[in-house]
Amino acid sequence: MNNLSKIYLSRAENELVAGKILNEVSANPQLQKEQFKTEESFTFYSSVISHCYYCIFYTAKAILLNEGIKTDMPSVHKKTLKAFKKFLVQTGKLDQDLCDILCRLKPTAS
């Protein structure tokens, strides 16, 4: 695994941990009120979804880099999804269900 792949996997792990923390805070109104001084009605579920998406995105980037495939701006998200499908799913290296998950989570912005 090359250094850039390791960086992307580290980013993916950070995003996953951030998502878990925000999910826990959202699920615990008492924690929100006492520790973070926010309204009990506040939730961060939309941020949880975003962090989970980026966990998947950075993991896909790392997998592609290990295959020698680099995706760049502009439209890096769209290019990553397309490369993920072409080089990993359509070749049978990864299951179609993984691609379906990534497609459902893809944000509208590139």
N, C-alpha and C. Protein backbone atom coordinates (compact mmCIF):
# COMPACT_ATOMS: atom_id res chain seq x y z
N MET A 1 0.85 -1.17 0.00
CA MET A 1 0.00 0.00 0.00
C MET A 1 0.90 1.24 0.00
N ASN A 2 0.60 2.18 -0.92
CA ASN A 2 1.43 3.38 -1.00
C ASN A 2 1.02 4.41 0.05
N ASN A 3 1.84 5.44 0.22
CA ASN A 3 1.61 6.44 1.25
C ASN A 3 0.31 7.21 1.06
N LEU A 4 -0.03 7.53 -0.19
CA LEU A 4 -1.27 8.27 -0.43
C LEU A 4 -2.48 7.42 -0.07
N SER A 5 -2.43 6.14 -0.36
CA SER A 5 -3.52 5.24 0.05
C SER A 5 -3.67 5.23 1.56
N LYS A 6 -2.55 5.20 2.26
CA LYS A 6 -2.58 5.22 3.73
C LYS A 6 -3.21 6.52 4.24
N ILE A 7 -2.90 7.63 3.58
CA ILE A 7 -3.48 8.91 3.98
C ILE A 7 -5.00 8.88 3.79
N TYR A 8 -5.45 8.36 2.66
CA TYR A 8 -6.90 8.27 2.41
C TYR A 8 -7.57 7.35 3.42
N LEU A 9 -6.94 6.24 3.76
CA LEU A 9 -7.53 5.34 4.76
C LEU A 9 -7.56 5.99 6.14
N SER A 10 -6.55 6.79 6.45
CA SER A 10 -6.55 7.52 7.71
C SER A 10 -7.69 8.54 7.74
N ARG A 11 -7.89 9.24 6.62
CA ARG A 11 -9.02 10.18 6.52
C ARG A 11 -10.34 9.44 6.69
N ALA A 12 -10.44 8.28 6.06
CA ALA A 12 -11.67 7.48 6.16
C ALA A 12 -11.95 7.11 7.61
N GLU A 13 -10.92 6.69 8.31
CA GLU A 13 -11.10 6.32 9.72
C GLU A 13 -11.51 7.53 10.55
N ASN A 14 -10.90 8.69 10.28
CA ASN A 14 -11.27 9.92 11.00
C ASN A 14 -12.74 10.26 10.77
N GLU A 15 -13.19 10.13 9.53
CA GLU A 15 -14.59 10.43 9.20
C GLU A 15 -15.53 9.46 9.92
N LEU A 16 -15.15 8.19 9.97
CA LEU A 16 -15.97 7.20 10.64
C LEU A 16 -16.07 7.51 12.14
N VAL A 17 -14.96 7.84 12.76
CA VAL A 17 -14.97 8.16 14.19
C VAL A 17 -15.80 9.42 14.45
N ALA A 18 -15.65 10.45 13.61
CA ALA A 18 -16.45 11.67 13.77
C ALA A 18 -17.93 11.36 13.65
N GLY A 19 -18.29 10.52 12.69
CA GLY A 19 -19.68 10.13 12.52
C GLY A 19 -20.22 9.40 13.74
N LYS A 20 -19.42 8.51 14.30
CA LYS A 20 -19.84 7.77 15.50
C LYS A 20 -20.05 8.72 16.68
N ILE A 21 -19.14 9.65 16.85
CA ILE A 21 -19.25 10.61 17.95
C ILE A 21 -20.51 11.47 17.80
N LEU A 22 -20.72 12.00 16.61
CA LEU A 22 -21.90 12.84 16.39
C LEU A 22 -23.19 12.04 16.53
N ASN A 23 -23.17 10.78 16.13
CA ASN A 23 -24.34 9.94 16.31
C ASN A 23 -24.63 9.74 17.80
N GLU A 24 -23.60 9.50 18.57
CA GLU A 24 -23.77 9.31 20.01
C GLU A 24 -24.30 10.58 20.67
N VAL A 25 -23.76 11.72 20.28
CA VAL A 25 -24.24 13.00 20.84
C VAL A 25 -25.70 13.22 20.46
N SER A 26 -26.06 12.93 19.23
CA SER A 26 -27.44 13.12 18.77
C SER A 26 -28.41 12.21 19.52
N ALA A 27 -27.96 11.04 19.87
CA ALA A 27 -28.81 10.07 20.54
C ALA A 27 -28.92 10.29 22.05
N ASN A 28 -28.15 11.24 22.57
CA ASN A 28 -28.12 11.46 24.01
C ASN A 28 -28.41 12.93 24.34
N PRO A 29 -29.68 13.30 24.45
CA PRO A 29 -30.05 14.70 24.71
C PRO A 29 -29.45 15.23 26.01
N GLN A 30 -29.32 14.38 27.01
CA GLN A 30 -28.74 14.84 28.29
C GLN A 30 -27.28 15.25 28.10
N LEU A 31 -26.55 14.49 27.33
CA LEU A 31 -25.15 14.82 27.02
C LEU A 31 -25.07 16.14 26.29
N GLN A 32 -25.97 16.35 25.34
CA GLN A 32 -26.00 17.61 24.59
C GLN A 32 -26.19 18.79 25.54
N LYS A 33 -27.14 18.65 26.42
CA LYS A 33 -27.48 19.75 27.32
C LYS A 33 -26.36 20.04 28.32
N GLU A 34 -25.85 18.98 28.96
CA GLU A 34 -24.86 19.17 30.02
C GLU A 34 -23.45 19.45 29.50
N GLN A 35 -23.01 18.66 28.54
CA GLN A 35 -21.62 18.75 28.06
C GLN A 35 -21.42 19.83 27.01
N PHE A 36 -22.37 19.94 26.08
CA PHE A 36 -22.17 20.83 24.95
C PHE A 36 -23.02 22.08 24.98
N LYS A 37 -23.89 22.18 26.00
CA LYS A 37 -24.72 23.37 26.19
C LYS A 37 -25.58 23.69 24.97
N THR A 38 -26.08 22.67 24.32
CA THR A 38 -26.98 22.86 23.18
C THR A 38 -28.39 22.48 23.61
N GLU A 39 -29.34 22.86 22.81
CA GLU A 39 -30.73 22.48 23.06
C GLU A 39 -30.85 20.96 22.96
N GLU A 40 -31.71 20.40 23.78
CA GLU A 40 -31.92 18.95 23.74
C GLU A 40 -32.48 18.48 22.41
N SER A 41 -33.12 19.37 21.68
CA SER A 41 -33.72 18.99 20.41
C SER A 41 -32.71 18.98 19.25
N PHE A 42 -31.50 19.45 19.49
CA PHE A 42 -30.50 19.46 18.42
C PHE A 42 -30.10 18.03 18.08
N THR A 43 -29.94 17.79 16.79
CA THR A 43 -29.35 16.53 16.35
C THR A 43 -28.33 16.84 15.26
N PHE A 44 -27.46 15.91 15.06
CA PHE A 44 -26.40 16.06 14.08
C PHE A 44 -26.41 14.91 13.08
N TYR A 45 -27.59 14.34 12.88
CA TYR A 45 -27.69 13.17 12.00
C TYR A 45 -27.29 13.48 10.56
N SER A 46 -27.58 14.68 10.09
CA SER A 46 -27.17 15.01 8.72
C SER A 46 -25.64 15.03 8.61
N SER A 47 -24.99 15.47 9.67
CA SER A 47 -23.52 15.43 9.68
C SER A 47 -23.00 14.00 9.79
N VAL A 48 -23.71 13.16 10.51
CA VAL A 48 -23.34 11.75 10.60
C VAL A 48 -23.33 11.13 9.20
N ILE A 49 -24.39 11.41 8.45
CA ILE A 49 -24.50 10.89 7.08
C ILE A 49 -23.34 11.40 6.22
N SER A 50 -23.04 12.68 6.34
CA SER A 50 -21.95 13.26 5.56
C SER A 50 -20.60 12.62 5.91
N HIS A 51 -20.34 12.45 7.19
CA HIS A 51 -19.07 11.83 7.61
C HIS A 51 -18.99 10.38 7.12
N CYS A 52 -20.10 9.67 7.15
CA CYS A 52 -20.10 8.28 6.67
C CYS A 52 -19.87 8.23 5.16
N TYR A 53 -20.47 9.17 4.43
CA TYR A 53 -20.22 9.23 2.99
C TYR A 53 -18.73 9.42 2.73
N TYR A 54 -18.11 10.39 3.43
CA TYR A 54 -16.69 10.64 3.18
C TYR A 54 -15.82 9.48 3.62
N CYS A 55 -16.24 8.73 4.62
CA CYS A 55 -15.51 7.51 4.98
C CYS A 55 -15.49 6.55 3.79
N ILE A 56 -16.64 6.36 3.16
CA ILE A 56 -16.73 5.48 2.00
C ILE A 56 -15.94 6.05 0.82
N PHE A 57 -16.07 7.35 0.59
CA PHE A 57 -15.37 8.00 -0.52
C PHE A 57 -13.86 7.85 -0.38
N TYR A 58 -13.32 8.17 0.79
CA TYR A 58 -11.87 8.06 0.98
C TYR A 58 -11.39 6.61 0.90
N THR A 59 -12.21 5.68 1.36
CA THR A 59 -11.85 4.27 1.24
C THR A 59 -11.81 3.85 -0.23
N ALA A 60 -12.80 4.31 -1.00
CA ALA A 60 -12.81 4.01 -2.44
C ALA A 60 -11.57 4.60 -3.12
N LYS A 61 -11.20 5.83 -2.76
CA LYS A 61 -9.99 6.45 -3.33
C LYS A 61 -8.75 5.60 -3.01
N ALA A 62 -8.66 5.11 -1.78
CA ALA A 62 -7.50 4.30 -1.38
C ALA A 62 -7.46 2.98 -2.15
N ILE A 63 -8.60 2.34 -2.30
CA ILE A 63 -8.66 1.09 -3.05
C ILE A 63 -8.24 1.31 -4.50
N LEU A 64 -8.77 2.37 -5.11
CA LEU A 64 -8.40 2.68 -6.49
C LEU A 64 -6.91 2.97 -6.63
N LEU A 65 -6.35 3.73 -5.71
CA LEU A 65 -4.92 4.03 -5.76
C LEU A 65 -4.09 2.75 -5.69
N ASN A 66 -4.53 1.79 -4.89
CA ASN A 66 -3.82 0.51 -4.82
C ASN A 66 -3.87 -0.25 -6.14
N GLU A 67 -4.86 0.07 -6.95
CA GLU A 67 -4.98 -0.53 -8.28
C GLU A 67 -4.28 0.33 -9.34
N GLY A 68 -3.64 1.43 -8.89
CA GLY A 68 -2.94 2.32 -9.81
C GLY A 68 -3.85 3.32 -10.51
N ILE A 69 -5.02 3.56 -9.95
CA ILE A 69 -6.01 4.46 -10.55
C ILE A 69 -6.16 5.69 -9.68
N LYS A 70 -5.90 6.86 -10.25
CA LYS A 70 -5.99 8.11 -9.51
C LYS A 70 -7.12 8.95 -10.09
N THR A 71 -7.93 9.51 -9.22
CA THR A 71 -9.01 10.41 -9.66
C THR A 71 -8.74 11.79 -9.08
N ASP A 72 -8.95 12.81 -9.92
CA ASP A 72 -8.64 14.19 -9.51
C ASP A 72 -9.78 15.13 -9.83
N MET A 73 -9.63 16.36 -9.39
CA MET A 73 -10.56 17.44 -9.70
C MET A 73 -10.47 17.75 -11.18
N PRO A 74 -11.44 18.33 -11.80
CA PRO A 74 -12.75 18.60 -11.22
C PRO A 74 -13.61 17.34 -11.21
N SER A 75 -14.70 17.41 -10.51
CA SER A 75 -15.66 16.30 -10.42
C SER A 75 -15.05 15.03 -9.85
N VAL A 76 -14.24 15.17 -8.82
CA VAL A 76 -13.53 14.03 -8.26
C VAL A 76 -14.48 12.97 -7.72
N HIS A 77 -15.61 13.37 -7.16
CA HIS A 77 -16.54 12.39 -6.63
C HIS A 77 -17.15 11.56 -7.76
N LYS A 78 -17.56 12.22 -8.80
CA LYS A 78 -18.14 11.53 -9.96
C LYS A 78 -17.10 10.62 -10.61
N LYS A 79 -15.88 11.11 -10.76
CA LYS A 79 -14.82 10.31 -11.37
C LYS A 79 -14.46 9.10 -10.51
N THR A 80 -14.47 9.29 -9.21
CA THR A 80 -14.15 8.18 -8.31
C THR A 80 -15.22 7.10 -8.40
N LEU A 81 -16.48 7.51 -8.40
CA LEU A 81 -17.56 6.54 -8.51
C LEU A 81 -17.48 5.78 -9.84
N LYS A 82 -17.24 6.52 -10.93
CA LYS A 82 -17.15 5.89 -12.25
C LYS A 82 -15.98 4.89 -12.30
N ALA A 83 -14.82 5.30 -11.77
CA ALA A 83 -13.66 4.40 -11.75
C ALA A 83 -13.91 3.20 -10.85
N PHE A 84 -14.55 3.43 -9.73
CA PHE A 84 -14.88 2.35 -8.79
C PHE A 84 -15.74 1.30 -9.50
N LYS A 85 -16.75 1.77 -10.23
CA LYS A 85 -17.62 0.86 -10.98
C LYS A 85 -16.84 0.11 -12.06
N LYS A 86 -16.09 0.87 -12.86
CA LYS A 86 -15.42 0.28 -14.02
C LYS A 86 -14.31 -0.70 -13.64
N PHE A 87 -13.45 -0.31 -12.74
CA PHE A 87 -12.26 -1.11 -12.46
C PHE A 87 -12.42 -2.12 -11.33
N LEU A 88 -13.43 -1.94 -10.50
CA LEU A 88 -13.57 -2.84 -9.37
C LEU A 88 -14.87 -3.65 -9.37
N VAL A 89 -15.97 -3.01 -9.73
CA VAL A 89 -17.25 -3.72 -9.70
C VAL A 89 -17.47 -4.50 -10.98
N GLN A 90 -17.32 -3.84 -12.13
CA GLN A 90 -17.57 -4.52 -13.40
C GLN A 90 -16.58 -5.65 -13.68
N THR A 91 -15.41 -5.58 -13.07
CA THR A 91 -14.43 -6.66 -13.23
C THR A 91 -14.65 -7.80 -12.24
N GLY A 92 -15.58 -7.59 -11.30
CA GLY A 92 -15.88 -8.62 -10.30
C GLY A 92 -14.97 -8.61 -9.09
N LYS A 93 -14.06 -7.64 -9.01
CA LYS A 93 -13.16 -7.57 -7.85
C LYS A 93 -13.91 -7.21 -6.57
N LEU A 94 -14.97 -6.40 -6.72
CA LEU A 94 -15.82 -6.04 -5.58
C LEU A 94 -17.27 -6.28 -5.94
N ASP A 95 -18.06 -6.51 -4.93
CA ASP A 95 -19.47 -6.82 -5.10
C ASP A 95 -20.28 -5.61 -5.55
N GLN A 96 -21.27 -5.83 -6.38
CA GLN A 96 -22.16 -4.78 -6.88
C GLN A 96 -22.85 -4.05 -5.73
N ASP A 97 -23.17 -4.75 -4.64
CA ASP A 97 -23.85 -4.11 -3.51
C ASP A 97 -23.04 -2.96 -2.93
N LEU A 98 -21.72 -3.08 -2.90
CA LEU A 98 -20.89 -1.99 -2.40
C LEU A 98 -21.03 -0.75 -3.28
N CYS A 99 -21.07 -0.95 -4.55
CA CYS A 99 -21.24 0.16 -5.48
C CYS A 99 -22.62 0.79 -5.31
N ASP A 100 -23.62 -0.03 -5.10
CA ASP A 100 -24.97 0.49 -4.90
C ASP A 100 -25.04 1.38 -3.66
N ILE A 101 -24.35 1.00 -2.60
CA ILE A 101 -24.32 1.82 -1.38
C ILE A 101 -23.67 3.16 -1.68
N LEU A 102 -22.54 3.14 -2.37
CA LEU A 102 -21.83 4.37 -2.70
C LEU A 102 -22.70 5.27 -3.58
N CYS A 103 -23.41 4.69 -4.53
CA CYS A 103 -24.27 5.47 -5.41
C CYS A 103 -25.40 6.15 -4.65
N ARG A 104 -25.97 5.48 -3.68
CA ARG A 104 -27.07 6.06 -2.90
C ARG A 104 -26.58 7.19 -2.00
N LEU A 105 -25.34 7.16 -1.58
CA LEU A 105 -24.83 8.18 -0.66
C LEU A 105 -24.18 9.36 -1.35
N LYS A 106 -23.96 9.27 -2.64
CA LYS A 106 -23.23 10.29 -3.38
C LYS A 106 -23.90 11.65 -3.24
N PRO A 107 -23.14 12.68 -2.79
CA PRO A 107 -23.73 14.02 -2.71
C PRO A 107 -23.88 14.63 -4.10
N THR A 108 -24.69 15.67 -4.20
CA THR A 108 -24.92 16.30 -5.50
C THR A 108 -23.72 17.13 -5.95
N ALA A 109 -22.94 17.63 -5.01
CA ALA A 109 -21.77 18.44 -5.36
C ALA A 109 -20.63 17.53 -5.77
N SER A 110 -19.77 18.01 -6.62
CA SER A 110 -18.60 17.22 -7.02
C SER A 110 -17.40 17.79 -6.33
